[in-house]
N, C-alpha and C. Protein backbone atom coordinates (compact mmCIF):
# COMPACT_ATOMS: atom_id res chain seq x y z
N MET A 1 0.88 -1.38 -0.11
CA MET A 1 -0.37 0.19 -0.17
C MET A 1 0.80 1.37 0.11
N GLU A 2 0.41 2.17 -0.84
CA GLU A 2 1.31 3.30 -0.67
C GLU A 2 1.36 4.38 0.42
N MET A 3 2.18 4.76 0.72
CA MET A 3 2.02 5.57 1.97
C MET A 3 1.46 7.15 1.63
N ILE A 4 0.71 7.89 2.49
CA ILE A 4 0.57 9.12 2.22
C ILE A 4 1.07 10.27 2.57
N LEU A 5 1.63 10.88 2.33
CA LEU A 5 2.65 12.16 2.44
C LEU A 5 1.95 13.26 3.42
N TYR A 6 2.22 13.06 4.42
CA TYR A 6 1.41 13.97 5.59
C TYR A 6 2.73 14.95 5.75
N ALA A 7 2.37 16.38 5.95
CA ALA A 7 2.93 17.41 6.53
C ALA A 7 2.27 18.18 7.54
N GLY A 8 3.10 18.05 8.91
CA GLY A 8 2.72 18.72 9.74
C GLY A 8 3.12 20.29 9.78
N VAL A 9 1.94 21.03 9.92
CA VAL A 9 2.58 22.12 10.26
C VAL A 9 2.31 22.98 11.64
N ASP A 10 3.09 23.89 12.24
CA ASP A 10 2.92 24.64 13.22
C ASP A 10 3.62 25.86 13.07
N GLU A 11 3.33 26.85 14.09
CA GLU A 11 3.69 28.10 14.09
C GLU A 11 4.52 28.30 15.29
N ALA A 12 5.09 29.69 15.58
CA ALA A 12 5.95 30.05 16.77
C ALA A 12 6.01 31.37 16.84
N GLY A 13 5.82 32.32 17.84
CA GLY A 13 5.92 33.41 17.82
C GLY A 13 4.58 34.47 17.90
N ARG A 14 3.56 33.56 17.57
CA ARG A 14 2.36 34.42 17.43
C ARG A 14 2.00 35.47 18.66
N GLY A 15 2.38 35.29 19.85
CA GLY A 15 1.92 35.83 20.99
C GLY A 15 2.71 36.82 21.58
N ALA A 16 3.81 36.64 20.94
CA ALA A 16 5.07 37.95 21.08
C ALA A 16 4.84 39.14 20.91
N LEU A 17 5.49 40.08 21.27
CA LEU A 17 5.38 41.71 21.25
C LEU A 17 6.27 41.90 20.05
N VAL A 18 7.40 40.93 19.68
CA VAL A 18 8.34 41.82 18.96
C VAL A 18 8.82 40.67 17.83
N GLY A 19 9.25 41.07 16.88
CA GLY A 19 9.86 40.05 15.74
C GLY A 19 8.49 39.30 14.73
N SER A 20 9.03 38.60 13.82
CA SER A 20 8.31 37.71 12.91
C SER A 20 7.56 36.75 13.53
N VAL A 21 6.63 36.18 12.98
CA VAL A 21 6.05 34.90 13.41
C VAL A 21 6.36 34.11 12.42
N PHE A 22 7.05 33.19 13.15
CA PHE A 22 7.38 32.00 12.01
C PHE A 22 6.60 30.42 11.83
N ALA A 23 6.84 29.74 11.08
CA ALA A 23 6.03 28.67 10.69
C ALA A 23 6.85 27.39 10.27
N ALA A 24 6.79 26.51 10.64
CA ALA A 24 7.18 25.08 9.75
C ALA A 24 6.36 24.21 9.26
N ALA A 25 6.71 23.15 8.34
CA ALA A 25 6.21 22.37 8.06
C ALA A 25 7.12 21.26 7.81
N VAL A 26 6.96 20.12 7.90
CA VAL A 26 7.59 18.76 7.99
C VAL A 26 6.77 17.59 7.79
N ILE A 27 7.44 17.16 6.58
CA ILE A 27 7.01 15.61 6.31
C ILE A 27 7.95 14.64 6.75
N LEU A 28 7.38 13.63 7.57
CA LEU A 28 8.34 12.90 8.31
C LEU A 28 8.33 11.30 7.51
N PRO A 29 9.33 10.49 7.72
CA PRO A 29 9.33 9.06 7.20
C PRO A 29 7.87 8.08 7.60
N GLU A 30 7.39 7.23 7.31
CA GLU A 30 6.60 6.73 7.51
C GLU A 30 6.79 5.91 8.97
N ARG A 31 6.14 5.93 10.11
CA ARG A 31 6.23 4.74 11.19
C ARG A 31 7.68 5.85 11.62
N TYR A 32 7.87 6.98 11.74
CA TYR A 32 8.93 7.91 12.26
C TYR A 32 8.83 7.53 13.84
N ARG A 33 9.94 7.22 14.35
CA ARG A 33 10.05 7.51 15.96
C ARG A 33 11.25 8.31 16.31
N LEU A 34 10.78 9.49 16.93
CA LEU A 34 12.32 10.15 17.46
C LEU A 34 11.56 10.54 18.80
N ILE A 35 12.45 9.89 19.89
CA ILE A 35 12.42 9.75 21.34
C ILE A 35 12.79 11.53 21.74
N GLY A 36 11.58 11.67 22.34
CA GLY A 36 11.67 13.17 23.10
C GLY A 36 10.73 14.18 22.36
N LEU A 37 9.97 13.70 21.29
CA LEU A 37 9.38 14.73 20.22
C LEU A 37 7.96 14.77 20.91
N THR A 38 7.43 15.83 21.04
CA THR A 38 6.52 16.61 21.68
C THR A 38 6.53 18.36 21.32
N ASP A 39 5.39 18.94 21.79
CA ASP A 39 5.25 20.13 21.61
C ASP A 39 6.37 20.50 22.37
N SER A 40 7.01 22.02 21.05
CA SER A 40 8.32 22.57 21.61
C SER A 40 8.42 23.19 23.04
N LYS A 41 7.30 23.75 23.27
CA LYS A 41 7.60 24.16 24.75
C LYS A 41 7.28 23.25 25.97
N ARG A 42 7.39 22.33 25.37
CA ARG A 42 7.54 21.18 26.72
C ARG A 42 8.73 20.85 26.81
N ILE A 43 9.70 21.49 25.63
CA ILE A 43 11.07 21.06 25.66
C ILE A 43 12.14 21.80 26.16
N GLN A 44 12.75 21.61 26.82
CA GLN A 44 14.02 22.51 27.42
C GLN A 44 15.06 22.64 26.26
N GLU A 45 15.75 24.13 26.06
CA GLU A 45 16.23 24.52 24.77
C GLU A 45 17.45 23.54 24.28
N PRO A 46 18.00 23.06 24.99
CA PRO A 46 19.07 22.38 24.62
C PRO A 46 18.89 21.26 23.85
N LYS A 47 17.89 20.36 24.46
CA LYS A 47 17.32 19.35 23.79
C LYS A 47 16.57 19.52 22.49
N ARG A 48 15.80 20.98 22.70
CA ARG A 48 14.94 21.16 21.29
C ARG A 48 16.02 20.98 19.96
N ASN A 49 17.13 22.20 20.27
CA ASN A 49 17.98 22.26 19.10
C ASN A 49 18.44 20.73 18.72
N GLU A 50 18.94 20.02 19.66
CA GLU A 50 19.48 18.75 19.05
C GLU A 50 18.06 18.09 18.52
N LEU A 51 16.82 17.80 18.62
CA LEU A 51 15.91 17.14 17.92
C LEU A 51 15.76 18.32 16.62
N ALA A 52 15.83 19.47 16.72
CA ALA A 52 15.93 20.02 15.31
C ALA A 52 16.86 19.88 14.48
N ALA A 53 18.02 19.50 14.85
CA ALA A 53 19.07 18.84 14.03
C ALA A 53 18.60 17.65 13.34
N GLN A 54 17.94 16.76 14.53
CA GLN A 54 17.71 15.56 13.64
C GLN A 54 16.80 15.34 12.69
N ILE A 55 15.92 16.11 13.14
CA ILE A 55 14.37 16.37 12.30
C ILE A 55 14.83 16.62 10.87
N LYS A 56 15.89 17.77 10.77
CA LYS A 56 16.18 18.24 9.55
C LYS A 56 17.04 17.09 8.87
N GLU A 57 17.56 16.66 9.41
CA GLU A 57 18.54 15.13 8.82
C GLU A 57 17.40 14.14 8.43
N GLN A 58 16.30 13.97 8.91
CA GLN A 58 15.92 12.33 8.91
C GLN A 58 14.46 12.74 8.08
N ALA A 59 13.81 14.11 7.99
CA ALA A 59 12.52 14.45 7.51
C ALA A 59 12.44 13.90 5.97
N VAL A 60 11.63 13.48 4.88
CA VAL A 60 11.67 13.38 4.23
C VAL A 60 11.66 15.07 3.58
N ALA A 61 11.07 15.82 3.95
CA ALA A 61 11.11 17.31 3.66
C ALA A 61 10.80 18.00 4.75
N TRP A 62 11.52 19.31 4.53
CA TRP A 62 11.11 20.51 5.91
C TRP A 62 11.45 21.71 5.43
N SER A 63 10.47 22.64 5.78
CA SER A 63 10.58 24.03 5.62
C SER A 63 10.09 24.97 6.63
N VAL A 64 10.97 26.27 6.46
CA VAL A 64 10.83 27.13 7.87
C VAL A 64 10.68 28.27 7.06
N ALA A 65 9.29 29.23 7.22
CA ALA A 65 8.99 30.35 6.60
C ALA A 65 8.62 31.47 7.70
N SER A 66 8.71 32.70 7.55
CA SER A 66 8.08 33.85 8.55
C SER A 66 7.57 34.75 7.83
N ALA A 67 6.55 35.54 8.65
CA ALA A 67 5.94 36.75 8.06
C ALA A 67 6.49 37.48 9.07
N SER A 68 6.78 39.01 8.20
CA SER A 68 7.33 40.09 8.96
C SER A 68 6.90 40.79 10.15
N VAL A 69 7.29 41.51 10.87
CA VAL A 69 6.54 42.59 11.47
C VAL A 69 5.40 43.36 10.81
N GLU A 70 6.43 43.86 9.57
CA GLU A 70 5.52 44.58 8.93
C GLU A 70 3.98 43.86 8.19
N GLU A 71 4.24 42.62 8.00
CA GLU A 71 3.30 42.00 7.33
C GLU A 71 1.92 41.78 8.41
N ILE A 72 2.59 41.70 9.83
CA ILE A 72 1.78 41.40 10.96
C ILE A 72 1.00 42.87 11.19
N ALA A 73 1.72 43.97 10.86
CA ALA A 73 1.01 44.93 11.00
C ALA A 73 0.06 45.50 9.92
N ARG A 74 0.22 44.74 8.86
CA ARG A 74 -0.74 45.06 7.82
C ARG A 74 -1.82 44.01 7.67
N LEU A 75 -1.59 43.03 8.01
CA LEU A 75 -3.00 41.89 7.67
C LEU A 75 -3.29 41.13 8.92
N ASN A 76 -3.01 41.77 10.19
CA ASN A 76 -3.03 41.05 11.71
C ASN A 76 -2.25 40.12 11.75
N ILE A 77 -2.35 39.27 13.32
CA ILE A 77 -1.49 38.44 13.46
C ILE A 77 -1.97 37.21 13.25
N LEU A 78 -3.22 37.18 13.05
CA LEU A 78 -3.86 35.73 12.36
C LEU A 78 -3.52 35.25 10.89
N HIS A 79 -3.71 36.41 10.42
CA HIS A 79 -3.41 36.37 9.01
C HIS A 79 -2.09 36.36 8.36
N ALA A 80 -1.28 37.02 9.39
CA ALA A 80 0.02 36.79 9.38
C ALA A 80 0.87 35.53 9.46
N THR A 81 0.19 34.78 10.33
CA THR A 81 0.28 33.72 10.63
C THR A 81 -0.13 32.44 9.42
N MET A 82 -1.18 32.58 9.38
CA MET A 82 -1.61 31.75 8.10
C MET A 82 -0.66 32.12 7.05
N LEU A 83 -0.45 33.22 6.55
CA LEU A 83 0.79 33.39 5.43
C LEU A 83 1.98 32.77 5.85
N ALA A 84 2.72 32.60 6.61
CA ALA A 84 3.87 31.91 7.24
C ALA A 84 3.57 30.78 6.94
N MET A 85 2.46 29.90 7.54
CA MET A 85 2.47 28.85 7.13
C MET A 85 2.16 27.98 5.73
N ARG A 86 1.45 29.07 5.06
CA ARG A 86 1.28 28.76 3.76
C ARG A 86 2.65 28.63 2.84
N ARG A 87 3.52 29.67 3.32
CA ARG A 87 5.03 29.97 2.92
C ARG A 87 5.95 28.77 3.02
N ALA A 88 5.43 27.99 4.63
CA ALA A 88 6.40 27.22 4.77
C ALA A 88 5.88 25.55 4.14
N VAL A 89 4.74 25.85 3.88
CA VAL A 89 4.15 24.52 3.04
C VAL A 89 4.85 24.40 1.63
N GLU A 90 4.56 25.73 0.95
CA GLU A 90 5.01 26.13 -0.21
C GLU A 90 6.53 25.69 -0.38
N GLY A 91 7.24 26.01 0.63
CA GLY A 91 8.80 25.49 0.74
C GLY A 91 9.13 24.13 0.56
N LEU A 92 8.35 23.47 0.83
CA LEU A 92 8.42 21.78 0.85
C LEU A 92 9.01 21.21 -0.18
N ALA A 93 10.29 20.56 -0.33
CA ALA A 93 10.97 20.17 -1.64
C ALA A 93 10.29 19.00 -1.93
N VAL A 94 9.58 18.35 -1.39
CA VAL A 94 8.65 17.11 -1.65
C VAL A 94 6.92 17.49 -1.61
N PRO A 95 6.29 17.69 -2.34
CA PRO A 95 4.81 18.01 -2.10
C PRO A 95 3.85 17.25 -1.18
N PRO A 96 3.40 17.60 -0.41
CA PRO A 96 2.33 16.86 0.75
C PRO A 96 1.10 16.30 0.01
N GLN A 97 0.54 15.23 0.36
CA GLN A 97 -0.86 14.71 -0.02
C GLN A 97 -1.88 15.42 0.89
N LYS A 98 -1.40 15.23 2.28
CA LYS A 98 -2.26 16.07 3.21
C LYS A 98 -1.70 16.91 3.90
N ILE A 99 -2.22 17.70 4.56
CA ILE A 99 -1.63 18.95 5.62
C ILE A 99 -2.13 18.83 6.80
N LEU A 100 -1.76 18.63 8.03
CA LEU A 100 -2.31 18.67 9.21
C LEU A 100 -1.64 19.55 10.18
N ILE A 101 -2.53 20.65 10.50
CA ILE A 101 -2.38 21.93 11.05
C ILE A 101 -2.71 22.20 12.24
N ASP A 102 -1.65 22.30 13.44
CA ASP A 102 -2.14 22.78 14.76
C ASP A 102 -3.06 24.08 14.78
N GLY A 103 -3.97 23.60 15.69
CA GLY A 103 -4.80 24.76 16.10
C GLY A 103 -6.04 24.61 15.20
N ARG A 104 -7.11 25.82 14.98
CA ARG A 104 -8.09 26.03 14.52
C ARG A 104 -8.70 26.37 12.99
N HIS A 105 -7.27 26.86 12.61
CA HIS A 105 -7.19 27.86 11.13
C HIS A 105 -6.64 27.24 10.35
N ILE A 106 -7.20 27.06 8.90
CA ILE A 106 -6.24 26.56 7.66
C ILE A 106 -6.28 27.74 7.01
N PRO A 107 -4.81 27.98 6.59
CA PRO A 107 -4.64 29.11 5.49
C PRO A 107 -5.14 28.52 4.32
N GLU A 108 -5.40 29.75 3.70
CA GLU A 108 -6.06 29.67 2.40
C GLU A 108 -4.73 29.48 0.89
N GLY A 109 -5.32 28.66 -0.06
CA GLY A 109 -4.46 28.73 -1.17
C GLY A 109 -3.38 27.40 -0.99
N LEU A 110 -3.56 26.61 0.00
CA LEU A 110 -2.83 25.58 0.03
C LEU A 110 -2.69 24.30 -1.00
N ASN A 111 -1.89 23.63 -1.24
CA ASN A 111 -1.72 23.11 -2.36
C ASN A 111 -2.19 21.40 -2.18
N ALA A 112 -2.71 21.34 -1.27
CA ALA A 112 -3.22 19.77 -0.81
C ALA A 112 -4.29 19.92 0.04
N PRO A 113 -5.25 19.18 0.15
CA PRO A 113 -6.24 18.93 1.61
C PRO A 113 -5.73 19.25 2.81
N ALA A 114 -6.32 19.79 3.77
CA ALA A 114 -5.82 20.25 5.04
C ALA A 114 -6.86 20.17 6.16
N GLU A 115 -6.46 19.89 7.33
CA GLU A 115 -7.12 19.79 8.46
C GLU A 115 -6.38 20.41 9.63
N ALA A 116 -7.12 20.98 10.52
CA ALA A 116 -6.88 21.60 11.62
C ALA A 116 -6.99 20.76 12.67
N ILE A 117 -6.06 20.90 13.74
CA ILE A 117 -6.23 19.91 14.72
C ILE A 117 -5.88 20.21 16.12
N VAL A 118 -6.60 20.65 16.83
CA VAL A 118 -6.37 21.57 18.24
C VAL A 118 -5.49 20.62 19.03
N GLY A 119 -4.39 21.09 19.89
CA GLY A 119 -3.30 20.16 20.36
C GLY A 119 -3.20 19.28 19.51
N GLY A 120 -2.48 19.46 17.99
CA GLY A 120 -2.41 18.76 17.28
C GLY A 120 -0.38 18.46 17.48
N ASP A 121 0.32 19.65 18.26
CA ASP A 121 1.73 19.26 18.73
C ASP A 121 2.02 18.50 19.44
N LEU A 122 0.78 17.97 20.18
CA LEU A 122 0.75 17.16 21.24
C LEU A 122 0.55 15.42 20.51
N LYS A 123 -0.24 15.42 19.25
CA LYS A 123 -0.52 14.02 19.16
C LYS A 123 -0.13 13.54 17.75
N ILE A 124 0.57 14.47 17.12
CA ILE A 124 0.96 14.22 15.73
C ILE A 124 2.47 14.42 15.64
N ALA A 125 3.25 13.71 15.31
CA ALA A 125 4.79 13.58 15.23
C ALA A 125 5.33 14.62 14.26
N ALA A 126 4.54 14.59 13.21
CA ALA A 126 4.80 15.69 12.30
C ALA A 126 4.65 17.11 12.38
N ILE A 127 3.39 17.22 13.39
CA ILE A 127 3.23 18.56 14.02
C ILE A 127 4.02 18.86 14.89
N SER A 128 4.51 17.95 15.95
CA SER A 128 5.33 18.44 16.98
C SER A 128 6.74 18.52 16.39
N ALA A 129 7.23 18.04 15.06
CA ALA A 129 8.48 18.21 14.51
C ALA A 129 8.62 19.67 14.12
N ALA A 130 7.34 20.11 13.42
CA ALA A 130 7.28 21.19 12.72
C ALA A 130 7.10 22.34 14.44
N SER A 131 6.61 22.30 15.13
CA SER A 131 6.85 22.98 16.26
C SER A 131 8.25 23.19 16.93
N ILE A 132 8.86 22.36 16.80
CA ILE A 132 10.09 22.35 17.03
C ILE A 132 11.12 22.92 16.08
N LEU A 133 10.78 23.30 14.79
CA LEU A 133 11.56 23.73 13.94
C LEU A 133 11.22 25.23 13.72
N ALA A 134 9.85 25.54 13.90
CA ALA A 134 9.60 26.72 14.07
C ALA A 134 10.08 27.66 15.00
N LYS A 135 9.88 26.84 16.66
CA LYS A 135 10.05 27.22 17.78
C LYS A 135 12.07 27.69 17.69
N THR A 136 12.69 26.93 17.20
CA THR A 136 14.11 27.01 17.19
C THR A 136 14.50 28.20 16.28
N ALA A 137 14.00 28.36 14.96
CA ALA A 137 13.99 29.35 13.87
C ALA A 137 13.78 30.73 14.95
N ARG A 138 12.69 30.73 14.92
CA ARG A 138 12.04 31.82 16.19
C ARG A 138 13.37 32.61 17.32
N ASP A 139 13.16 31.34 17.91
CA ASP A 139 14.54 31.56 18.92
C ASP A 139 15.96 32.34 18.57
N ALA A 140 16.29 31.98 17.35
CA ALA A 140 17.41 32.26 16.28
C ALA A 140 17.15 33.79 16.36
N GLU A 141 16.26 34.03 15.90
CA GLU A 141 15.71 35.67 15.67
C GLU A 141 15.99 36.36 16.76
N MET A 142 15.42 35.71 17.81
CA MET A 142 15.46 36.53 19.39
C MET A 142 16.87 36.74 19.67
N TYR A 143 17.85 35.80 19.39
CA TYR A 143 19.21 35.74 19.57
C TYR A 143 20.08 37.24 18.83
N ALA A 144 19.55 37.15 17.88
CA ALA A 144 20.39 38.24 16.91
C ALA A 144 19.73 39.68 17.25
N LEU A 145 18.22 39.54 17.88
CA LEU A 145 17.66 40.84 18.32
C LEU A 145 18.65 41.00 19.68
N ALA A 146 18.97 40.12 20.20
CA ALA A 146 19.33 40.31 21.74
C ALA A 146 20.97 40.92 21.49
N ALA A 147 21.77 40.49 20.47
CA ALA A 147 22.81 40.77 20.39
C ALA A 147 23.03 42.42 19.84
N ARG A 148 21.95 42.41 19.09
CA ARG A 148 21.63 44.11 18.57
C ARG A 148 21.34 45.23 19.70
N TYR A 149 20.28 44.54 20.71
CA TYR A 149 19.63 45.43 21.77
C TYR A 149 19.64 44.66 23.21
N PRO A 150 20.82 44.41 23.47
CA PRO A 150 21.43 43.85 24.77
C PRO A 150 20.23 44.21 26.14
N GLN A 151 19.93 45.44 26.15
CA GLN A 151 19.07 45.92 27.36
C GLN A 151 17.69 45.47 27.14
N TYR A 152 17.25 44.59 26.04
CA TYR A 152 16.15 44.16 26.09
C TYR A 152 15.84 42.86 26.55
N GLY A 153 16.77 42.14 26.47
CA GLY A 153 16.96 40.79 27.42
C GLY A 153 16.07 39.77 26.71
N PHE A 154 16.32 39.63 25.40
CA PHE A 154 15.32 39.20 24.19
C PHE A 154 15.74 37.56 24.19
N ASP A 155 17.03 37.30 24.66
CA ASP A 155 17.75 35.98 24.85
C ASP A 155 17.10 35.43 25.75
N ARG A 156 16.37 36.07 26.91
CA ARG A 156 15.84 35.61 27.95
C ARG A 156 14.12 35.07 27.80
N HIS A 157 13.65 36.08 27.45
CA HIS A 157 11.92 36.05 27.68
C HIS A 157 11.56 36.02 26.03
N LYS A 158 12.48 35.99 25.05
CA LYS A 158 12.23 35.41 23.59
C LYS A 158 10.92 36.53 22.85
N GLY A 159 10.94 37.69 23.72
CA GLY A 159 10.13 38.49 23.27
C GLY A 159 8.47 38.71 23.46
N TYR A 160 8.36 37.58 24.49
CA TYR A 160 6.86 37.55 24.91
C TYR A 160 6.90 38.72 25.97
N SER A 161 5.50 38.77 26.58
CA SER A 161 4.98 39.76 27.34
C SER A 161 5.14 39.64 28.89
N ARG A 162 6.61 39.44 28.98
CA ARG A 162 7.40 39.21 30.56
C ARG A 162 7.54 40.29 31.30
N THR A 163 7.77 40.04 32.61
CA THR A 163 8.08 41.47 33.29
C THR A 163 9.09 42.50 33.01
N LYS A 164 10.39 41.75 32.83
CA LYS A 164 11.52 41.98 32.15
C LYS A 164 11.04 42.92 30.97
N HIS A 165 10.70 42.24 29.98
CA HIS A 165 10.55 42.79 28.77
C HIS A 165 9.62 43.97 29.02
N LEU A 166 8.27 44.10 29.40
CA LEU A 166 7.62 45.19 29.74
C LEU A 166 8.59 46.45 30.65
N ALA A 167 9.22 46.11 31.53
CA ALA A 167 10.03 47.05 32.32
C ALA A 167 11.11 47.59 31.03
N ALA A 168 11.78 46.86 30.09
CA ALA A 168 12.70 47.41 29.17
C ALA A 168 11.90 48.31 28.25
N LEU A 169 10.82 48.09 28.03
CA LEU A 169 9.68 48.60 27.12
C LEU A 169 9.33 50.09 27.69
N GLN A 170 9.10 49.91 28.87
CA GLN A 170 8.93 51.37 29.32
C GLN A 170 10.13 52.33 29.57
N GLN A 171 11.34 51.64 29.92
CA GLN A 171 12.59 52.38 30.07
C GLN A 171 13.24 52.82 28.69
N TYR A 172 13.40 51.71 27.68
CA TYR A 172 13.94 52.17 26.45
C TYR A 172 12.95 52.54 25.20
N GLY A 173 11.76 52.26 25.27
CA GLY A 173 10.85 52.47 24.27
C GLY A 173 10.87 51.25 23.41
N ALA A 174 9.90 51.68 22.42
CA ALA A 174 9.54 50.51 21.30
C ALA A 174 10.72 50.38 20.28
N LEU A 175 11.15 49.14 20.05
CA LEU A 175 11.78 49.27 18.73
C LEU A 175 11.07 49.24 17.59
N PRO A 176 11.74 49.28 16.16
CA PRO A 176 10.95 49.26 14.88
C PRO A 176 10.69 47.82 14.72
N GLU A 177 11.36 46.70 15.38
CA GLU A 177 11.35 45.17 15.46
C GLU A 177 10.14 45.10 16.67
N HIS A 178 9.41 46.11 17.13
CA HIS A 178 8.29 45.59 18.08
C HIS A 178 6.86 45.67 17.22
N ARG A 179 5.86 44.67 17.82
CA ARG A 179 4.94 44.85 17.05
C ARG A 179 4.00 45.91 17.27
N ALA A 180 3.83 46.94 16.79
CA ALA A 180 3.10 48.42 17.03
C ALA A 180 1.75 48.25 17.47
N ASP A 181 0.84 47.15 16.91
CA ASP A 181 -0.49 47.26 17.31
C ASP A 181 -0.95 46.21 18.29
N PHE A 182 0.34 45.93 18.97
CA PHE A 182 0.13 44.90 20.41
C PHE A 182 0.09 45.80 21.34
N LYS A 183 -1.40 45.39 22.41
CA LYS A 183 -1.53 46.40 23.80
C LYS A 183 -0.43 46.90 24.45
N PRO A 184 0.83 46.07 24.80
CA PRO A 184 1.63 46.78 25.57
C PRO A 184 2.59 47.88 24.82
N VAL A 185 2.80 47.29 23.84
CA VAL A 185 3.79 48.32 22.78
C VAL A 185 2.98 49.48 22.44
N ARG A 186 2.00 49.53 21.99
CA ARG A 186 0.77 50.50 21.33
C ARG A 186 0.90 51.22 22.95
N ALA A 187 0.66 50.65 24.09
CA ALA A 187 0.39 51.66 25.04
C ALA A 187 2.00 52.79 25.01
N VAL A 188 3.17 52.19 25.08
CA VAL A 188 4.30 52.80 25.06
C VAL A 188 4.22 54.07 24.42
N LEU A 189 4.09 53.19 22.96
CA LEU A 189 4.32 54.50 21.81
C LEU A 189 2.81 55.41 21.98
N GLU A 190 1.94 55.51 22.62
CA GLU A 190 0.92 56.47 22.70
C GLU A 190 1.48 57.36 23.84
N GLN A 191 2.24 56.87 25.01
CA GLN A 191 2.46 57.55 26.14
C GLN A 191 3.65 58.43 25.56
N LYS A 192 4.65 57.96 24.67
CA LYS A 192 5.77 58.75 24.15
C LYS A 192 5.03 59.87 22.97
N GLN A 193 3.90 59.55 22.55
CA GLN A 193 3.07 60.74 21.79
C GLN A 193 2.93 61.63 22.61
N GLN A 194 2.09 61.31 23.82
CA GLN A 194 1.75 62.12 24.44
C GLN A 194 2.50 63.10 25.15
N SER A 195 3.90 62.58 25.26
CA SER A 195 4.58 63.12 25.93
C SER A 195 5.40 64.47 25.26
N GLU A 196 5.24 64.29 23.93
CA GLU A 196 5.94 64.76 22.83
C GLU A 196 5.68 66.31 22.69
């Protein structure tokens, strides 16, 4: 019996206040087993990096894509996430026959039938693998930002709405890489306008 090529798709960085939103698509070999494979948020960073390298080595095909801060501002975060997911699927060297997406939404214009699966990153290996690749790519962007703007602590909170990030926003202001329409960033920008 011929195997069906399933692509798992997941995103990273949707809820962050800064940087791009990332998505990955992964097609794994049939009956693929990788110890420790689960939702990326449940894996410590060193192990996640190790798994990402193994996934890239062993997958039938994989692809990582993103949507920029400008695209997030123009489209809104949901549509920008869908765009990143579609780009990730389009980037696969091998076309999938079915696409399994973590969450409730399916991007438009995909090249194969797709199904949205809530909690898919915990249930389906290909989605877990995509979750890991998206997260490690997003983290790499945060480390690059941390090198440019060390005072914001992006290497620690990864751009999410944590106490230290919010304090840095108040102290140093918003960067061009911040998502201006996200509430904590918008509040800082409005304060600045009022004080000028």
